[in-house]
Each structure stands twice: as C-alpha cells, then as structure tokens.
Amino acid sequence: MTAPEKERRVQEAVRRHARTRAFAEAEDVISAVLSDPRVQEARARVEAADTQLGRELCARLQPFQERHDHALAEGDTTRLTEVCGASTAAGGDCAVR
C-alpha cells in the first residue's frame, strides 16, 4: 500500500470516527432535552391540542366525506370531479359538493 493510500484510509477512518462521535453526542443531547419535565409537559399539551383539533376538523369535514362516499357508491363521476369554487388552495381543490 502506498503512502497516499494509507493517508487516505486514515483520513476516512478519522472522518468515520468523528461522524460516529457527533451522532452519539447528538443522541445524548436529544435524550437530555426530551427527558426534561418542562419539555414533556409541552409535548403533552401539543399532543392534546392536536387531538382536539383533529376531532374538530373531523366533525367539520364529515358532511363532505359523506357526500364523497355517496358519490362513489352512486358512481357519480361528475360530482367527484367538480372543482370547489370556494377553494383557497393554489390550483383549486376537488371537492364533492
């Protein structure tokens, strides 16, 4: 093995070691942050809010889901492909009205 090859192998090994060490340190820091009681409380509040908002959204979207299911069962392709005029999304959204 030539000297430049040895040098390259050593540099690669050093890079691998540094990367492995950096990942291990990052995992330690992440574990420490996530174990903090304040972080756990904040996480619980976010999860509770997410669950509540999901329930509210589900209830608001249920009529659209029912219309969609009905149009599918009826094979009403016209209704399934209509573009909602009230859409605010760029490019429009398909909705069953």
N, C-alpha and C. Protein backbone atom coordinates (compact mmCIF):
# COMPACT_ATOMS: atom_id res chain seq x y z
N MET A 1 0.85 -1.17 0.00
CA MET A 1 0.00 0.00 0.00
C MET A 1 0.90 1.24 0.00
N THR A 2 0.57 2.17 -0.87
CA THR A 2 1.40 3.37 -0.99
C THR A 2 1.07 4.36 0.13
N ALA A 3 1.98 5.30 0.33
CA ALA A 3 1.79 6.31 1.38
C ALA A 3 0.52 7.13 1.17
N PRO A 4 0.21 7.57 -0.08
CA PRO A 4 -1.03 8.32 -0.27
C PRO A 4 -2.28 7.49 0.03
N GLU A 5 -2.23 6.18 -0.29
CA GLU A 5 -3.37 5.30 0.01
C GLU A 5 -3.56 5.17 1.52
N LYS A 6 -2.44 5.01 2.24
CA LYS A 6 -2.52 4.92 3.70
C LYS A 6 -3.10 6.20 4.28
N GLU A 7 -2.62 7.31 3.77
CA GLU A 7 -3.10 8.62 4.26
C GLU A 7 -4.60 8.76 4.02
N ARG A 8 -5.05 8.36 2.84
CA ARG A 8 -6.48 8.45 2.51
C ARG A 8 -7.30 7.56 3.44
N ARG A 9 -6.81 6.34 3.70
CA ARG A 9 -7.52 5.42 4.60
C ARG A 9 -7.59 5.97 6.01
N VAL A 10 -6.52 6.56 6.46
CA VAL A 10 -6.50 7.15 7.80
C VAL A 10 -7.49 8.31 7.87
N GLN A 11 -7.50 9.16 6.86
CA GLN A 11 -8.42 10.30 6.84
C GLN A 11 -9.88 9.81 6.83
N GLU A 12 -10.16 8.78 6.07
CA GLU A 12 -11.51 8.23 6.04
C GLU A 12 -11.90 7.66 7.39
N ALA A 13 -10.98 6.98 8.05
CA ALA A 13 -11.25 6.42 9.37
C ALA A 13 -11.51 7.52 10.39
N VAL A 14 -10.72 8.59 10.31
CA VAL A 14 -10.91 9.73 11.22
C VAL A 14 -12.27 10.37 10.97
N ARG A 15 -12.66 10.53 9.72
CA ARG A 15 -13.98 11.11 9.40
C ARG A 15 -15.10 10.23 9.94
N ARG A 16 -14.97 8.92 9.74
CA ARG A 16 -16.00 7.99 10.25
C ARG A 16 -16.10 8.09 11.76
N HIS A 17 -14.95 8.12 12.43
CA HIS A 17 -14.95 8.22 13.89
C HIS A 17 -15.59 9.53 14.34
N ALA A 18 -15.23 10.63 13.69
CA ALA A 18 -15.78 11.94 14.06
C ALA A 18 -17.29 11.96 13.85
N ARG A 19 -17.74 11.38 12.76
CA ARG A 19 -19.18 11.34 12.47
C ARG A 19 -19.91 10.49 13.51
N THR A 20 -19.36 9.32 13.81
CA THR A 20 -19.97 8.44 14.82
C THR A 20 -20.03 9.15 16.17
N ARG A 21 -18.98 9.80 16.53
CA ARG A 21 -18.92 10.54 17.81
C ARG A 21 -19.93 11.67 17.82
N ALA A 22 -20.05 12.42 16.72
CA ALA A 22 -21.00 13.52 16.65
C ALA A 22 -22.44 13.02 16.79
N PHE A 23 -22.75 11.90 16.13
CA PHE A 23 -24.09 11.33 16.24
C PHE A 23 -24.37 10.88 17.67
N ALA A 24 -23.40 10.26 18.31
CA ALA A 24 -23.58 9.80 19.69
C ALA A 24 -23.82 10.99 20.62
N GLU A 25 -23.06 12.05 20.44
CA GLU A 25 -23.24 13.25 21.26
C GLU A 25 -24.61 13.88 21.01
N ALA A 26 -25.02 13.91 19.75
CA ALA A 26 -26.33 14.48 19.42
C ALA A 26 -27.45 13.66 20.07
N GLU A 27 -27.32 12.35 20.04
CA GLU A 27 -28.33 11.50 20.68
C GLU A 27 -28.39 11.75 22.18
N ASP A 28 -27.24 11.95 22.80
CA ASP A 28 -27.21 12.25 24.24
C ASP A 28 -27.92 13.57 24.53
N VAL A 29 -27.65 14.57 23.73
CA VAL A 29 -28.28 15.88 23.93
C VAL A 29 -29.79 15.79 23.71
N ILE A 30 -30.20 15.11 22.66
CA ILE A 30 -31.63 14.96 22.37
C ILE A 30 -32.32 14.23 23.52
N SER A 31 -31.70 13.18 24.02
CA SER A 31 -32.28 12.43 25.15
C SER A 31 -32.41 13.32 26.38
N ALA A 32 -31.40 14.13 26.64
CA ALA A 32 -31.45 15.02 27.80
C ALA A 32 -32.57 16.05 27.65
N VAL A 33 -32.70 16.61 26.48
CA VAL A 33 -33.75 17.62 26.25
C VAL A 33 -35.13 16.98 26.38
N LEU A 34 -35.31 15.83 25.76
CA LEU A 34 -36.63 15.19 25.78
C LEU A 34 -37.01 14.68 27.17
N SER A 35 -36.03 14.43 28.03
CA SER A 35 -36.35 13.95 29.38
C SER A 35 -36.66 15.09 30.34
N ASP A 36 -36.45 16.32 29.94
CA ASP A 36 -36.77 17.47 30.79
C ASP A 36 -38.27 17.51 31.04
N PRO A 37 -38.69 17.63 32.30
CA PRO A 37 -40.13 17.65 32.60
C PRO A 37 -40.90 18.76 31.89
N ARG A 38 -40.27 19.92 31.71
CA ARG A 38 -40.96 21.01 31.01
C ARG A 38 -41.20 20.66 29.55
N VAL A 39 -40.25 19.99 28.95
CA VAL A 39 -40.40 19.56 27.56
C VAL A 39 -41.50 18.51 27.47
N GLN A 40 -41.52 17.60 28.42
CA GLN A 40 -42.57 16.57 28.43
C GLN A 40 -43.95 17.18 28.61
N GLU A 41 -44.06 18.20 29.48
CA GLU A 41 -45.34 18.88 29.66
C GLU A 41 -45.76 19.59 28.38
N ALA A 42 -44.83 20.27 27.74
CA ALA A 42 -45.14 20.97 26.49
C ALA A 42 -45.56 19.97 25.42
N ARG A 43 -44.87 18.85 25.36
CA ARG A 43 -45.21 17.82 24.39
C ARG A 43 -46.62 17.29 24.63
N ALA A 44 -46.97 17.07 25.89
CA ALA A 44 -48.31 16.57 26.23
C ALA A 44 -49.37 17.60 25.83
N ARG A 45 -49.09 18.89 26.05
CA ARG A 45 -50.05 19.95 25.66
C ARG A 45 -50.22 20.00 24.16
N VAL A 46 -49.13 19.87 23.42
CA VAL A 46 -49.21 19.89 21.96
C VAL A 46 -50.00 18.68 21.45
N GLU A 47 -49.73 17.52 22.02
CA GLU A 47 -50.46 16.32 21.60
C GLU A 47 -51.95 16.44 21.91
N ALA A 48 -52.29 16.99 23.08
CA ALA A 48 -53.70 17.18 23.44
C ALA A 48 -54.38 18.16 22.49
N ALA A 49 -53.69 19.25 22.17
CA ALA A 49 -54.26 20.23 21.24
C ALA A 49 -54.42 19.62 19.85
N ASP A 50 -53.45 18.85 19.43
CA ASP A 50 -53.51 18.20 18.13
C ASP A 50 -54.70 17.24 18.07
N THR A 51 -54.90 16.48 19.13
CA THR A 51 -56.02 15.55 19.18
C THR A 51 -57.34 16.30 19.13
N GLN A 52 -57.45 17.37 19.92
CA GLN A 52 -58.69 18.15 19.94
C GLN A 52 -58.98 18.77 18.59
N LEU A 53 -57.98 19.37 17.98
CA LEU A 53 -58.18 19.99 16.67
C LEU A 53 -58.52 18.94 15.62
N GLY A 54 -57.93 17.77 15.73
CA GLY A 54 -58.25 16.68 14.80
C GLY A 54 -59.70 16.28 14.92
N ARG A 55 -60.20 16.20 16.14
CA ARG A 55 -61.62 15.85 16.35
C ARG A 55 -62.53 16.91 15.75
N GLU A 56 -62.17 18.18 16.01
CA GLU A 56 -63.00 19.28 15.48
C GLU A 56 -62.99 19.27 13.95
N LEU A 57 -61.83 19.08 13.37
CA LEU A 57 -61.72 19.05 11.91
C LEU A 57 -62.49 17.88 11.33
N CYS A 58 -62.38 16.74 11.99
CA CYS A 58 -63.11 15.55 11.53
C CYS A 58 -64.61 15.82 11.51
N ALA A 59 -65.12 16.44 12.57
CA ALA A 59 -66.54 16.75 12.64
C ALA A 59 -66.96 17.72 11.54
N ARG A 60 -66.11 18.70 11.26
CA ARG A 60 -66.43 19.69 10.22
C ARG A 60 -66.38 19.09 8.82
N LEU A 61 -65.51 18.11 8.63
CA LEU A 61 -65.36 17.52 7.30
C LEU A 61 -66.28 16.32 7.06
N GLN A 62 -66.94 15.85 8.09
CA GLN A 62 -67.79 14.67 7.96
C GLN A 62 -68.84 14.80 6.86
N PRO A 63 -69.55 15.95 6.75
CA PRO A 63 -70.53 16.07 5.66
C PRO A 63 -69.91 15.90 4.28
N PHE A 64 -68.71 16.42 4.08
CA PHE A 64 -68.04 16.27 2.79
C PHE A 64 -67.66 14.81 2.55
N GLN A 65 -67.21 14.13 3.61
CA GLN A 65 -66.87 12.72 3.49
C GLN A 65 -68.11 11.91 3.12
N GLU A 66 -69.23 12.23 3.73
CA GLU A 66 -70.47 11.50 3.42
C GLU A 66 -70.90 11.73 1.98
N ARG A 67 -70.79 12.98 1.51
CA ARG A 67 -71.13 13.27 0.10
C ARG A 67 -70.19 12.54 -0.84
N HIS A 68 -68.92 12.51 -0.48
CA HIS A 68 -67.93 11.81 -1.30
C HIS A 68 -68.25 10.32 -1.36
N ASP A 69 -68.53 9.73 -0.20
CA ASP A 69 -68.86 8.30 -0.15
C ASP A 69 -70.11 8.00 -0.97
N HIS A 70 -71.10 8.88 -0.87
CA HIS A 70 -72.35 8.69 -1.62
C HIS A 70 -72.09 8.79 -3.12
N ALA A 71 -71.29 9.77 -3.54
CA ALA A 71 -70.97 9.92 -4.96
C ALA A 71 -70.20 8.70 -5.47
N LEU A 72 -69.31 8.16 -4.65
CA LEU A 72 -68.57 6.96 -5.04
C LEU A 72 -69.53 5.78 -5.20
N ALA A 73 -70.41 5.62 -4.23
CA ALA A 73 -71.36 4.50 -4.28
C ALA A 73 -72.28 4.60 -5.49
N GLU A 74 -72.64 5.83 -5.84
CA GLU A 74 -73.54 6.05 -6.98
C GLU A 74 -72.78 6.04 -8.31
N GLY A 75 -71.45 6.13 -8.25
CA GLY A 75 -70.67 6.21 -9.48
C GLY A 75 -70.82 7.57 -10.15
N ASP A 76 -71.07 8.59 -9.36
CA ASP A 76 -71.31 9.95 -9.87
C ASP A 76 -69.96 10.64 -10.14
N THR A 77 -69.38 10.35 -11.30
CA THR A 77 -68.07 10.91 -11.63
C THR A 77 -68.10 12.42 -11.81
N THR A 78 -69.22 12.95 -12.27
CA THR A 78 -69.33 14.40 -12.42
C THR A 78 -69.16 15.08 -11.07
N ARG A 79 -69.86 14.56 -10.10
CA ARG A 79 -69.78 15.15 -8.76
C ARG A 79 -68.39 14.96 -8.16
N LEU A 80 -67.78 13.84 -8.44
CA LEU A 80 -66.45 13.57 -7.88
C LEU A 80 -65.36 14.45 -8.49
N THR A 81 -65.57 14.91 -9.72
CA THR A 81 -64.52 15.68 -10.39
C THR A 81 -64.79 17.17 -10.41
N GLU A 82 -65.86 17.64 -9.79
CA GLU A 82 -66.12 19.07 -9.74
C GLU A 82 -65.04 19.76 -8.92
N VAL A 83 -64.68 20.94 -9.34
CA VAL A 83 -63.72 21.74 -8.58
C VAL A 83 -64.52 22.69 -7.70
N CYS A 84 -64.16 22.71 -6.45
CA CYS A 84 -64.86 23.54 -5.49
C CYS A 84 -64.57 25.00 -5.78
N GLY A 85 -65.61 25.80 -5.98
CA GLY A 85 -65.45 27.22 -6.26
C GLY A 85 -64.98 28.00 -5.06
N ALA A 86 -65.16 27.46 -3.87
CA ALA A 86 -64.77 28.17 -2.66
C ALA A 86 -63.34 27.82 -2.24
N SER A 87 -62.63 27.12 -3.07
CA SER A 87 -61.29 26.67 -2.73
C SER A 87 -60.36 27.85 -2.56
N THR A 88 -59.51 27.78 -1.54
CA THR A 88 -58.50 28.82 -1.34
C THR A 88 -57.11 28.31 -1.64
N ALA A 89 -57.02 27.03 -1.92
CA ALA A 89 -55.70 26.45 -2.20
C ALA A 89 -55.26 26.82 -3.63
N ALA A 90 -53.98 26.98 -3.80
CA ALA A 90 -53.46 27.28 -5.13
C ALA A 90 -53.79 26.13 -6.07
N GLY A 91 -54.36 26.45 -7.19
CA GLY A 91 -54.68 25.42 -8.16
C GLY A 91 -56.04 24.80 -7.95
N GLY A 92 -56.69 25.09 -6.84
CA GLY A 92 -58.03 24.56 -6.58
C GLY A 92 -57.99 23.17 -5.99
N ASP A 93 -59.01 22.84 -5.29
CA ASP A 93 -59.16 21.52 -4.69
C ASP A 93 -60.37 20.85 -5.29
N CYS A 94 -60.32 19.56 -5.42
CA CYS A 94 -61.50 18.83 -5.84
C CYS A 94 -62.31 18.52 -4.60
N ALA A 95 -63.58 18.79 -4.68
CA ALA A 95 -64.45 18.51 -3.54
C ALA A 95 -65.78 18.05 -4.04
N VAL A 96 -66.46 17.29 -3.25
CA VAL A 96 -67.81 16.84 -3.59
C VAL A 96 -68.76 17.81 -2.93
N ARG A 97 -69.55 18.50 -3.75
CA ARG A 97 -70.50 19.49 -3.21
C ARG A 97 -71.86 18.90 -3.12
